[in-house]
Amino acid sequence: MILTTLEYVPGKNITKHLGLVQGSTVRSKHVGRDLMAGVKNIFGGELKGYTELLNESREEATERMKAQAKSIGANAILNIRFSTSNIAQGASELYAYGTAVVLE
């Protein structure tokens, strides 16, 4: 599966447009991560627990998007974007979406 943020893949032709595909995950913060984040806010520095959480969330949302694209016969997803939003206090959604296509 080819994944790109471009609207096309250089050297490839789009033979079929299959439409929007998406994947999302909702994650909540871990108490331990919150405690460490509070300490880091005082002294500064990277919030590694949150960095890991966001990386895991992006991977999961991307895998769900790829599974949806594969199920409708796509071999590529173009113009991929990511979005985040707060769902509830302490819980956020990470949303991945793009255009499923068949490339020759």
PDB file of N, CA and C in Angstrom:
ATOM      1  N   MET A   1       0.863  -1.185   0.000  1.00  0.00           N
ATOM      2  CA  MET A   1       0.000   0.000   0.000  1.00  0.00           C
ATOM      3  C   MET A   1       0.898   1.233   0.000  1.00  0.00           C
ATOM      4  N   ILE A   2       0.711   2.080  -0.999  1.00  0.00           N
ATOM      5  CA  ILE A   2       1.463   3.333  -1.072  1.00  0.00           C
ATOM      6  C   ILE A   2       0.695   4.385  -0.280  1.00  0.00           C
ATOM      7  N   LEU A   3       1.397   5.061   0.616  1.00  0.00           N
ATOM      8  CA  LEU A   3       0.812   6.131   1.415  1.00  0.00           C
ATOM      9  C   LEU A   3       1.582   7.414   1.133  1.00  0.00           C
ATOM     10  N   THR A   4       0.856   8.500   0.874  1.00  0.00           N
ATOM     11  CA  THR A   4       1.533   9.760   0.611  1.00  0.00           C
ATOM     12  C   THR A   4       0.655  10.953   0.986  1.00  0.00           C
ATOM     13  N   THR A   5       1.319  12.044   1.298  1.00  0.00           N
ATOM     14  CA  THR A   5       0.595  13.293   1.537  1.00  0.00           C
ATOM     15  C   THR A   5       0.416  14.077   0.241  1.00  0.00           C
ATOM     16  N   LEU A   6       1.027  13.592  -0.843  1.00  0.00           N
ATOM     17  CA  LEU A   6       0.862  14.222  -2.152  1.00  0.00           C
ATOM     18  C   LEU A   6      -0.495  13.876  -2.754  1.00  0.00           C
ATOM     19  N   GLU A   7      -0.912  14.647  -3.757  1.00  0.00           N
ATOM     20  CA  GLU A   7      -2.167  14.385  -4.455  1.00  0.00           C
ATOM     21  C   GLU A   7      -1.983  13.387  -5.596  1.00  0.00           C
ATOM     22  N   TYR A   8      -0.763  12.949  -5.822  1.00  0.00           N
ATOM     23  CA  TYR A   8      -0.450  11.988  -6.873  1.00  0.00           C
ATOM     24  C   TYR A   8       0.846  11.285  -6.489  1.00  0.00           C
ATOM     25  N   VAL A   9       1.174  10.229  -7.206  1.00  0.00           N
ATOM     26  CA  VAL A   9       2.441   9.527  -7.024  1.00  0.00           C
ATOM     27  C   VAL A   9       3.224   9.701  -8.320  1.00  0.00           C
ATOM     28  N   PRO A  10       4.370  10.350  -8.258  1.00  0.00           N
ATOM     29  CA  PRO A  10       5.145  10.577  -9.475  1.00  0.00           C
ATOM     30  C   PRO A  10       5.405   9.267 -10.221  1.00  0.00           C
ATOM     31  N   GLY A  11       5.162   9.296 -11.534  1.00  0.00           N
ATOM     32  CA  GLY A  11       5.398   8.132 -12.372  1.00  0.00           C
ATOM     33  C   GLY A  11       4.275   7.110 -12.370  1.00  0.00           C
ATOM     34  N   LYS A  12       3.213   7.349 -11.610  1.00  0.00           N
ATOM     35  CA  LYS A  12       2.079   6.423 -11.558  1.00  0.00           C
ATOM     36  C   LYS A  12       0.819   7.141 -12.031  1.00  0.00           C
ATOM     37  N   ASN A  13      -0.075   6.387 -12.653  1.00  0.00           N
ATOM     38  CA  ASN A  13      -1.361   6.936 -13.090  1.00  0.00           C
ATOM     39  C   ASN A  13      -2.477   6.390 -12.211  1.00  0.00           C
ATOM     40  N   ILE A  14      -3.412   7.266 -11.874  1.00  0.00           N
ATOM     41  CA  ILE A  14      -4.591   6.846 -11.112  1.00  0.00           C
ATOM     42  C   ILE A  14      -5.569   6.227 -12.101  1.00  0.00           C
ATOM     43  N   THR A  15      -5.920   4.963 -11.875  1.00  0.00           N
ATOM     44  CA  THR A  15      -6.870   4.301 -12.768  1.00  0.00           C
ATOM     45  C   THR A  15      -8.271   4.236 -12.173  1.00  0.00           C
ATOM     46  N   LYS A  16      -8.364   4.392 -10.863  1.00  0.00           N
ATOM     47  CA  LYS A  16      -9.675   4.338 -10.216  1.00  0.00           C
ATOM     48  C   LYS A  16      -9.643   5.154  -8.934  1.00  0.00           C
ATOM     49  N   HIS A  17     -10.656   5.975  -8.752  1.00  0.00           N
ATOM     50  CA  HIS A  17     -10.828   6.790  -7.543  1.00  0.00           C
ATOM     51  C   HIS A  17     -11.879   6.103  -6.674  1.00  0.00           C
ATOM     52  N   LEU A  18     -11.515   5.725  -5.462  1.00  0.00           N
ATOM     53  CA  LEU A  18     -12.435   4.975  -4.596  1.00  0.00           C
ATOM     54  C   LEU A  18     -13.021   5.810  -3.461  1.00  0.00           C
ATOM     55  N   GLY A  19     -12.534   7.021  -3.276  1.00  0.00           N
ATOM     56  CA  GLY A  19     -13.118   7.916  -2.278  1.00  0.00           C
ATOM     57  C   GLY A  19     -12.373   7.982  -0.959  1.00  0.00           C
ATOM     58  N   LEU A  20     -13.007   8.636  -0.028  1.00  0.00           N
ATOM     59  CA  LEU A  20     -12.431   8.888   1.296  1.00  0.00           C
ATOM     60  C   LEU A  20     -12.302   7.605   2.097  1.00  0.00           C
ATOM     61  N   VAL A  21     -11.144   7.442   2.729  1.00  0.00           N
ATOM     62  CA  VAL A  21     -10.953   6.382   3.723  1.00  0.00           C
ATOM     63  C   VAL A  21     -10.447   7.050   4.991  1.00  0.00           C
ATOM     64  N   GLN A  22     -10.736   6.411   6.112  1.00  0.00           N
ATOM     65  CA  GLN A  22     -10.405   7.035   7.390  1.00  0.00           C
ATOM     66  C   GLN A  22     -10.107   5.990   8.454  1.00  0.00           C
ATOM     67  N   GLY A  23      -9.419   6.435   9.470  1.00  0.00           N
ATOM     68  CA  GLY A  23      -9.167   5.596  10.626  1.00  0.00           C
ATOM     69  C   GLY A  23      -9.007   6.506  11.821  1.00  0.00           C
ATOM     70  N   SER A  24      -9.445   6.044  12.978  1.00  0.00           N
ATOM     71  CA  SER A  24      -9.309   6.885  14.173  1.00  0.00           C
ATOM     72  C   SER A  24      -9.097   6.014  15.395  1.00  0.00           C
ATOM     73  N   THR A  25      -8.618   6.663  16.423  1.00  0.00           N
ATOM     74  CA  THR A  25      -8.479   6.025  17.726  1.00  0.00           C
ATOM     75  C   THR A  25      -8.700   7.091  18.787  1.00  0.00           C
ATOM     76  N   VAL A  26      -9.305   6.711  19.883  1.00  0.00           N
ATOM     77  CA  VAL A  26      -9.501   7.615  21.013  1.00  0.00           C
ATOM     78  C   VAL A  26      -8.679   7.068  22.164  1.00  0.00           C
ATOM     79  N   ARG A  27      -7.833   7.898  22.697  1.00  0.00           N
ATOM     80  CA  ARG A  27      -6.944   7.481  23.778  1.00  0.00           C
ATOM     81  C   ARG A  27      -7.102   8.408  24.974  1.00  0.00           C
ATOM     82  N   SER A  28      -6.898   7.835  26.146  1.00  0.00           N
ATOM     83  CA  SER A  28      -6.910   8.646  27.361  1.00  0.00           C
ATOM     84  C   SER A  28      -5.506   8.685  27.944  1.00  0.00           C
ATOM     85  N   LYS A  29      -5.280   9.698  28.743  1.00  0.00           N
ATOM     86  CA  LYS A  29      -3.976   9.868  29.369  1.00  0.00           C
ATOM     87  C   LYS A  29      -3.819   8.873  30.517  1.00  0.00           C
ATOM     88  N   HIS A  30      -2.591   8.495  30.759  1.00  0.00           N
ATOM     89  CA  HIS A  30      -2.231   7.594  31.838  1.00  0.00           C
ATOM     90  C   HIS A  30      -1.852   8.442  33.055  1.00  0.00           C
ATOM     91  N   VAL A  31      -2.290   8.031  34.242  1.00  0.00           N
ATOM     92  CA  VAL A  31      -2.022   8.795  35.463  1.00  0.00           C
ATOM     93  C   VAL A  31      -0.529   9.045  35.639  1.00  0.00           C
ATOM     94  N   GLY A  32       0.285   8.043  35.389  1.00  0.00           N
ATOM     95  CA  GLY A  32       1.735   8.194  35.515  1.00  0.00           C
ATOM     96  C   GLY A  32       2.277   9.229  34.554  1.00  0.00           C
ATOM     97  N   ARG A  33       1.741   9.236  33.334  1.00  0.00           N
ATOM     98  CA  ARG A  33       2.172  10.231  32.352  1.00  0.00           C
ATOM     99  C   ARG A  33       1.776  11.630  32.800  1.00  0.00           C
ATOM    100  N   ASP A  34       0.584  11.761  33.394  1.00  0.00           N
ATOM    101  CA  ASP A  34       0.147  13.068  33.881  1.00  0.00           C
ATOM    102  C   ASP A  34       1.055  13.589  34.983  1.00  0.00           C
ATOM    103  N   LEU A  35       1.470  12.708  35.896  1.00  0.00           N
ATOM    104  CA  LEU A  35       2.360  13.127  36.976  1.00  0.00           C
ATOM    105  C   LEU A  35       3.695  13.611  36.420  1.00  0.00           C
ATOM    106  N   MET A  36       4.259  12.859  35.487  1.00  0.00           N
ATOM    107  CA  MET A  36       5.533  13.250  34.886  1.00  0.00           C
ATOM    108  C   MET A  36       5.382  14.530  34.064  1.00  0.00           C
ATOM    109  N   ALA A  37       4.255  14.689  33.404  1.00  0.00           N
ATOM    110  CA  ALA A  37       4.015  15.900  32.625  1.00  0.00           C
ATOM    111  C   ALA A  37       3.976  17.121  33.534  1.00  0.00           C
ATOM    112  N   GLY A  38       3.376  16.966  34.706  1.00  0.00           N
ATOM    113  CA  GLY A  38       3.338  18.064  35.672  1.00  0.00           C
ATOM    114  C   GLY A  38       4.726  18.487  36.109  1.00  0.00           C
ATOM    115  N   VAL A  39       5.593  17.507  36.339  1.00  0.00           N
ATOM    116  CA  VAL A  39       6.976  17.795  36.727  1.00  0.00           C
ATOM    117  C   VAL A  39       7.707  18.470  35.565  1.00  0.00           C
ATOM    118  N   LYS A  40       7.525  17.967  34.355  1.00  0.00           N
ATOM    119  CA  LYS A  40       8.190  18.544  33.177  1.00  0.00           C
ATOM    120  C   LYS A  40       7.713  19.973  32.931  1.00  0.00           C
ATOM    121  N   ASN A  41       6.453  20.272  33.245  1.00  0.00           N
ATOM    122  CA  ASN A  41       5.947  21.627  33.057  1.00  0.00           C
ATOM    123  C   ASN A  41       6.681  22.616  33.953  1.00  0.00           C
ATOM    124  N   ILE A  42       7.130  22.147  35.094  1.00  0.00           N
ATOM    125  CA  ILE A  42       7.866  23.012  36.016  1.00  0.00           C
ATOM    126  C   ILE A  42       9.296  23.233  35.528  1.00  0.00           C
ATOM    127  N   PHE A  43       9.961  22.146  35.132  1.00  0.00           N
ATOM    128  CA  PHE A  43      11.373  22.205  34.781  1.00  0.00           C
ATOM    129  C   PHE A  43      11.637  22.283  33.273  1.00  0.00           C
ATOM    130  N   GLY A  44      10.645  22.004  32.465  1.00  0.00           N
ATOM    131  CA  GLY A  44      10.811  22.023  31.015  1.00  0.00           C
ATOM    132  C   GLY A  44      11.306  20.690  30.484  1.00  0.00           C
ATOM    133  N   GLY A  45      11.213  20.507  29.190  1.00  0.00           N
ATOM    134  CA  GLY A  45      11.681  19.286  28.556  1.00  0.00           C
ATOM    135  C   GLY A  45      10.567  18.570  27.823  1.00  0.00           C
ATOM    136  N   GLU A  46      10.974  17.565  27.047  1.00  0.00           N
ATOM    137  CA  GLU A  46      10.014  16.791  26.258  1.00  0.00           C
ATOM    138  C   GLU A  46       9.156  15.914  27.157  1.00  0.00           C
ATOM    139  N   LEU A  47       7.887  15.833  26.826  1.00  0.00           N
ATOM    140  CA  LEU A  47       6.956  14.958  27.534  1.00  0.00           C
ATOM    141  C   LEU A  47       6.946  13.626  26.794  1.00  0.00           C
ATOM    142  N   LYS A  48       7.933  12.781  27.079  1.00  0.00           N
ATOM    143  CA  LYS A  48       8.142  11.551  26.317  1.00  0.00           C
ATOM    144  C   LYS A  48       6.953  10.603  26.372  1.00  0.00           C
ATOM    145  N   GLY A  49       6.267  10.553  27.504  1.00  0.00           N
ATOM    146  CA  GLY A  49       5.084   9.698  27.608  1.00  0.00           C
ATOM    147  C   GLY A  49       4.007  10.110  26.621  1.00  0.00           C
ATOM    148  N   TYR A  50       3.814  11.420  26.451  1.00  0.00           N
ATOM    149  CA  TYR A  50       2.823  11.913  25.498  1.00  0.00           C
ATOM    150  C   TYR A  50       3.298  11.728  24.059  1.00  0.00           C
ATOM    151  N   THR A  51       4.584  11.890  23.828  1.00  0.00           N
ATOM    152  CA  THR A  51       5.139  11.650  22.498  1.00  0.00           C
ATOM    153  C   THR A  51       4.880  10.203  22.086  1.00  0.00           C
ATOM    154  N   GLU A  52       5.135   9.272  22.988  1.00  0.00           N
ATOM    155  CA  GLU A  52       4.881   7.853  22.715  1.00  0.00           C
ATOM    156  C   GLU A  52       3.398   7.609  22.464  1.00  0.00           C
ATOM    157  N   LEU A  53       2.541   8.205  23.278  1.00  0.00           N
ATOM    158  CA  LEU A  53       1.097   8.044  23.128  1.00  0.00           C
ATOM    159  C   LEU A  53       0.632   8.531  21.754  1.00  0.00           C
ATOM    160  N   LEU A  54       1.126   9.687  21.321  1.00  0.00           N
ATOM    161  CA  LEU A  54       0.736  10.214  20.014  1.00  0.00           C
ATOM    162  C   LEU A  54       1.274   9.360  18.879  1.00  0.00           C
ATOM    163  N   ASN A  55       2.504   8.870  18.995  1.00  0.00           N
ATOM    164  CA  ASN A  55       3.056   7.988  17.962  1.00  0.00           C
ATOM    165  C   ASN A  55       2.234   6.708  17.839  1.00  0.00           C
ATOM    166  N   GLU A  56       1.885   6.105  18.969  1.00  0.00           N
ATOM    167  CA  GLU A  56       1.054   4.889  18.960  1.00  0.00           C
ATOM    168  C   GLU A  56      -0.305   5.180  18.340  1.00  0.00           C
ATOM    169  N   SER A  57      -0.886   6.318  18.675  1.00  0.00           N
ATOM    170  CA  SER A  57      -2.200   6.691  18.152  1.00  0.00           C
ATOM    171  C   SER A  57      -2.152   6.905  16.644  1.00  0.00           C
ATOM    172  N   ARG A  58      -1.110   7.597  16.151  1.00  0.00           N
ATOM    173  CA  ARG A  58      -0.970   7.803  14.703  1.00  0.00           C
ATOM    174  C   ARG A  58      -0.840   6.478  13.973  1.00  0.00           C
ATOM    175  N   GLU A  59      -0.037   5.575  14.524  1.00  0.00           N
ATOM    176  CA  GLU A  59       0.148   4.261  13.895  1.00  0.00           C
ATOM    177  C   GLU A  59      -1.158   3.486  13.846  1.00  0.00           C
ATOM    178  N   GLU A  60      -1.909   3.489  14.953  1.00  0.00           N
ATOM    179  CA  GLU A  60      -3.173   2.751  14.997  1.00  0.00           C
ATOM    180  C   GLU A  60      -4.197   3.342  14.021  1.00  0.00           C
ATOM    181  N   ALA A  61      -4.331   4.657  13.992  1.00  0.00           N
ATOM    182  CA  ALA A  61      -5.274   5.300  13.075  1.00  0.00           C
ATOM    183  C   ALA A  61      -4.881   5.033  11.622  1.00  0.00           C
ATOM    184  N   THR A  62      -3.584   5.065  11.334  1.00  0.00           N
ATOM    185  CA  THR A  62      -3.109   4.802   9.975  1.00  0.00           C
ATOM    186  C   THR A  62      -3.396   3.363   9.569  1.00  0.00           C
ATOM    187  N   GLU A  63      -3.166   2.416  10.459  1.00  0.00           N
ATOM    188  CA  GLU A  63      -3.440   1.008  10.156  1.00  0.00           C
ATOM    189  C   GLU A  63      -4.928   0.781   9.892  1.00  0.00           C
ATOM    190  N   ARG A  64      -5.791   1.445  10.637  1.00  0.00           N
ATOM    191  CA  ARG A  64      -7.238   1.318  10.419  1.00  0.00           C
ATOM    192  C   ARG A  64      -7.646   1.922   9.081  1.00  0.00           C
ATOM    193  N   MET A  65      -7.028   3.041   8.723  1.00  0.00           N
ATOM    194  CA  MET A  65      -7.298   3.662   7.429  1.00  0.00           C
ATOM    195  C   MET A  65      -6.835   2.743   6.294  1.00  0.00           C
ATOM    196  N   LYS A  66      -5.638   2.159   6.439  1.00  0.00           N
ATOM    197  CA  LYS A  66      -5.124   1.239   5.425  1.00  0.00           C
ATOM    198  C   LYS A  66      -6.030   0.020   5.273  1.00  0.00           C
ATOM    199  N   ALA A  67      -6.529  -0.509   6.382  1.00  0.00           N
ATOM    200  CA  ALA A  67      -7.419  -1.674   6.327  1.00  0.00           C
ATOM    201  C   ALA A  67      -8.697  -1.338   5.567  1.00  0.00           C
ATOM    202  N   GLN A  68      -9.247  -0.150   5.802  1.00  0.00           N
ATOM    203  CA  GLN A  68     -10.453   0.253   5.082  1.00  0.00           C
ATOM    204  C   GLN A  68     -10.156   0.383   3.588  1.00  0.00           C
ATOM    205  N   ALA A  69      -9.031   0.978   3.241  1.00  0.00           N
ATOM    206  CA  ALA A  69      -8.661   1.141   1.832  1.00  0.00           C
ATOM    207  C   ALA A  69      -8.477  -0.213   1.159  1.00  0.00           C
ATOM    208  N   LYS A  70      -7.807  -1.121   1.833  1.00  0.00           N
ATOM    209  CA  LYS A  70      -7.582  -2.455   1.275  1.00  0.00           C
ATOM    210  C   LYS A  70      -8.905  -3.179   1.050  1.00  0.00           C
ATOM    211  N   SER A  71      -9.852  -2.998   1.976  1.00  0.00           N
ATOM    212  CA  SER A  71     -11.136  -3.694   1.872  1.00  0.00           C
ATOM    213  C   SER A  71     -11.961  -3.239   0.668  1.00  0.00           C
ATOM    214  N   ILE A  72     -11.685  -2.054   0.135  1.00  0.00           N
ATOM    215  CA  ILE A  72     -12.424  -1.582  -1.041  1.00  0.00           C
ATOM    216  C   ILE A  72     -11.588  -1.681  -2.315  1.00  0.00           C
ATOM    217  N   GLY A  73     -10.415  -2.314  -2.221  1.00  0.00           N
ATOM    218  CA  GLY A  73      -9.623  -2.591  -3.408  1.00  0.00           C
ATOM    219  C   GLY A  73      -8.553  -1.576  -3.764  1.00  0.00           C
ATOM    220  N   ALA A  74      -8.234  -0.665  -2.873  1.00  0.00           N
ATOM    221  CA  ALA A  74      -7.211   0.346  -3.151  1.00  0.00           C
ATOM    222  C   ALA A  74      -5.806  -0.243  -3.012  1.00  0.00           C
ATOM    223  N   ASN A  75      -4.872   0.344  -3.753  1.00  0.00           N
ATOM    224  CA  ASN A  75      -3.471  -0.016  -3.541  1.00  0.00           C
ATOM    225  C   ASN A  75      -2.643   1.211  -3.156  1.00  0.00           C
ATOM    226  N   ALA A  76      -3.353   2.343  -2.943  1.00  0.00           N
ATOM    227  CA  ALA A  76      -2.680   3.564  -2.500  1.00  0.00           C
ATOM    228  C   ALA A  76      -3.674   4.488  -1.810  1.00  0.00           C
ATOM    229  N   ILE A  77      -3.134   5.322  -0.917  1.00  0.00           N
ATOM    230  CA  ILE A  77      -3.929   6.374  -0.275  1.00  0.00           C
ATOM    231  C   ILE A  77      -3.169   7.672  -0.479  1.00  0.00           C
ATOM    232  N   LEU A  78      -3.835   8.634  -1.106  1.00  0.00           N
ATOM    233  CA  LEU A  78      -3.227   9.920  -1.427  1.00  0.00           C
ATOM    234  C   LEU A  78      -3.747  11.015  -0.510  1.00  0.00           C
ATOM    235  N   ASN A  79      -2.968  12.101  -0.452  1.00  0.00           N
ATOM    236  CA  ASN A  79      -3.383  13.310   0.266  1.00  0.00           C
ATOM    237  C   ASN A  79      -3.748  13.020   1.732  1.00  0.00           C
ATOM    238  N   ILE A  80      -2.940  12.214   2.396  1.00  0.00           N
ATOM    239  CA  ILE A  80      -3.215  11.818   3.784  1.00  0.00           C
ATOM    240  C   ILE A  80      -3.050  13.007   4.722  1.00  0.00           C
ATOM    241  N   ARG A  81      -3.968  13.117   5.649  1.00  0.00           N
ATOM    242  CA  ARG A  81      -3.949  14.163   6.671  1.00  0.00           C
ATOM    243  C   ARG A  81      -4.260  13.542   8.028  1.00  0.00           C
ATOM    244  N   PHE A  82      -3.828  14.245   9.074  1.00  0.00           N
ATOM    245  CA  PHE A  82      -4.104  13.840  10.449  1.00  0.00           C
ATOM    246  C   PHE A  82      -4.772  14.992  11.174  1.00  0.00           C
ATOM    247  N   SER A  83      -5.662  14.644  12.090  1.00  0.00           N
ATOM    248  CA  SER A  83      -6.357  15.646  12.881  1.00  0.00           C
ATOM    249  C   SER A  83      -6.518  15.116  14.302  1.00  0.00           C
ATOM    250  N   THR A  84      -6.555  16.018  15.254  1.00  0.00           N
ATOM    251  CA  THR A  84      -6.809  15.619  16.642  1.00  0.00           C
ATOM    252  C   THR A  84      -7.939  16.456  17.210  1.00  0.00           C
ATOM    253  N   SER A  85      -8.639  15.896  18.181  1.00  0.00           N
ATOM    254  CA  SER A  85      -9.679  16.645  18.875  1.00  0.00           C
ATOM    255  C   SER A  85      -9.878  16.058  20.261  1.00  0.00           C
ATOM    256  N   ASN A  86     -10.352  16.890  21.162  1.00  0.00           N
ATOM    257  CA  ASN A  86     -10.676  16.428  22.508  1.00  0.00           C
ATOM    258  C   ASN A  86     -12.085  15.849  22.499  1.00  0.00           C
ATOM    259  N   ILE A  87     -12.214  14.649  23.043  1.00  0.00           N
ATOM    260  CA  ILE A  87     -13.510  13.984  23.113  1.00  0.00           C
ATOM    261  C   ILE A  87     -14.138  14.212  24.483  1.00  0.00           C
ATOM    262  N   ALA A  88     -13.337  14.061  25.505  1.00  0.00           N
ATOM    263  CA  ALA A  88     -13.763  14.268  26.889  1.00  0.00           C
ATOM    264  C   ALA A  88     -12.523  14.690  27.667  1.00  0.00           C
ATOM    265  N   GLN A  89     -12.712  15.111  28.900  1.00  0.00           N
ATOM    266  CA  GLN A  89     -11.552  15.506  29.703  1.00  0.00           C
ATOM    267  C   GLN A  89     -10.603  14.318  29.836  1.00  0.00           C
ATOM    268  N   GLY A  90      -9.383  14.512  29.385  1.00  0.00           N
ATOM    269  CA  GLY A  90      -8.384  13.449  29.481  1.00  0.00           C
ATOM    270  C   GLY A  90      -8.401  12.452  28.335  1.00  0.00           C
ATOM    271  N   ALA A  91      -9.272  12.639  27.335  1.00  0.00           N
ATOM    272  CA  ALA A  91      -9.335  11.710  26.196  1.00  0.00           C
ATOM    273  C   ALA A  91      -9.349  12.500  24.889  1.00  0.00           C
ATOM    274  N   SER A  92      -8.545  12.045  23.945  1.00  0.00           N
ATOM    275  CA  SER A  92      -8.452  12.713  22.652  1.00  0.00           C
ATOM    276  C   SER A  92      -8.570  11.712  21.518  1.00  0.00           C
ATOM    277  N   GLU A  93      -9.082  12.187  20.385  1.00  0.00           N
ATOM    278  CA  GLU A  93      -9.165  11.371  19.187  1.00  0.00           C
ATOM    279  C   GLU A  93      -8.050  11.783  18.239  1.00  0.00           C
ATOM    280  N   LEU A  94      -7.431  10.802  17.624  1.00  0.00           N
ATOM    281  CA  LEU A  94      -6.517  11.054  16.516  1.00  0.00           C
ATOM    282  C   LEU A  94      -7.173  10.447  15.285  1.00  0.00           C
ATOM    283  N   TYR A  95      -7.332  11.237  14.247  1.00  0.00           N
ATOM    284  CA  TYR A  95      -8.086  10.872  13.054  1.00  0.00           C
ATOM    285  C   TYR A  95      -7.159  10.974  11.844  1.00  0.00           C
ATOM    286  N   ALA A  96      -7.080   9.919  11.049  1.00  0.00           N
ATOM    287  CA  ALA A  96      -6.290   9.909   9.814  1.00  0.00           C
ATOM    288  C   ALA A  96      -7.256   9.719   8.652  1.00  0.00           C
ATOM    289  N   TYR A  97      -7.049  10.464   7.564  1.00  0.00           N
ATOM    290  CA  TYR A  97      -7.922  10.323   6.409  1.00  0.00           C
ATOM    291  C   TYR A  97      -7.163  10.639   5.131  1.00  0.00           C
ATOM    292  N   GLY A  98      -7.663  10.099   4.039  1.00  0.00           N
ATOM    293  CA  GLY A  98      -7.053  10.320   2.743  1.00  0.00           C
ATOM    294  C   GLY A  98      -7.962   9.796   1.643  1.00  0.00           C
ATOM    295  N   THR A  99      -7.460   9.850   0.404  1.00  0.00           N
ATOM    296  CA  THR A  99      -8.222   9.423  -0.758  1.00  0.00           C
ATOM    297  C   THR A  99      -7.689   8.082  -1.242  1.00  0.00           C
ATOM    298  N   ALA A 100      -8.557   7.072  -1.243  1.00  0.00           N
ATOM    299  CA  ALA A 100      -8.180   5.734  -1.714  1.00  0.00           C
ATOM    300  C   ALA A 100      -8.257   5.688  -3.236  1.00  0.00           C
ATOM    301  N   VAL A 101      -7.210   5.139  -3.843  1.00  0.00           N
ATOM    302  CA  VAL A 101      -7.158   5.035  -5.298  1.00  0.00           C
ATOM    303  C   VAL A 101      -6.512   3.715  -5.706  1.00  0.00           C
ATOM    304  N   VAL A 102      -6.671   3.406  -6.985  1.00  0.00           N
ATOM    305  CA  VAL A 102      -5.937   2.291  -7.589  1.00  0.00           C
ATOM    306  C   VAL A 102      -4.955   2.930  -8.561  1.00  0.00           C
ATOM    307  N   LEU A 103      -3.686   2.590  -8.393  1.00  0.00           N
ATOM    308  CA  LEU A 103      -2.632   3.066  -9.284  1.00  0.00           C
ATOM    309  C   LEU A 103      -2.218   1.955 -10.207  1.00  0.00           C
ATOM    310  N   GLU A 104      -1.803   2.302 -11.434  1.00  0.00           N
ATOM    311  CA  GLU A 104      -1.301   1.279 -12.353  1.00  0.00           C
ATOM    312  C   GLU A 104       0.177   1.054 -12.142  1.00  0.00           C
TER     313      GLU A 104
END
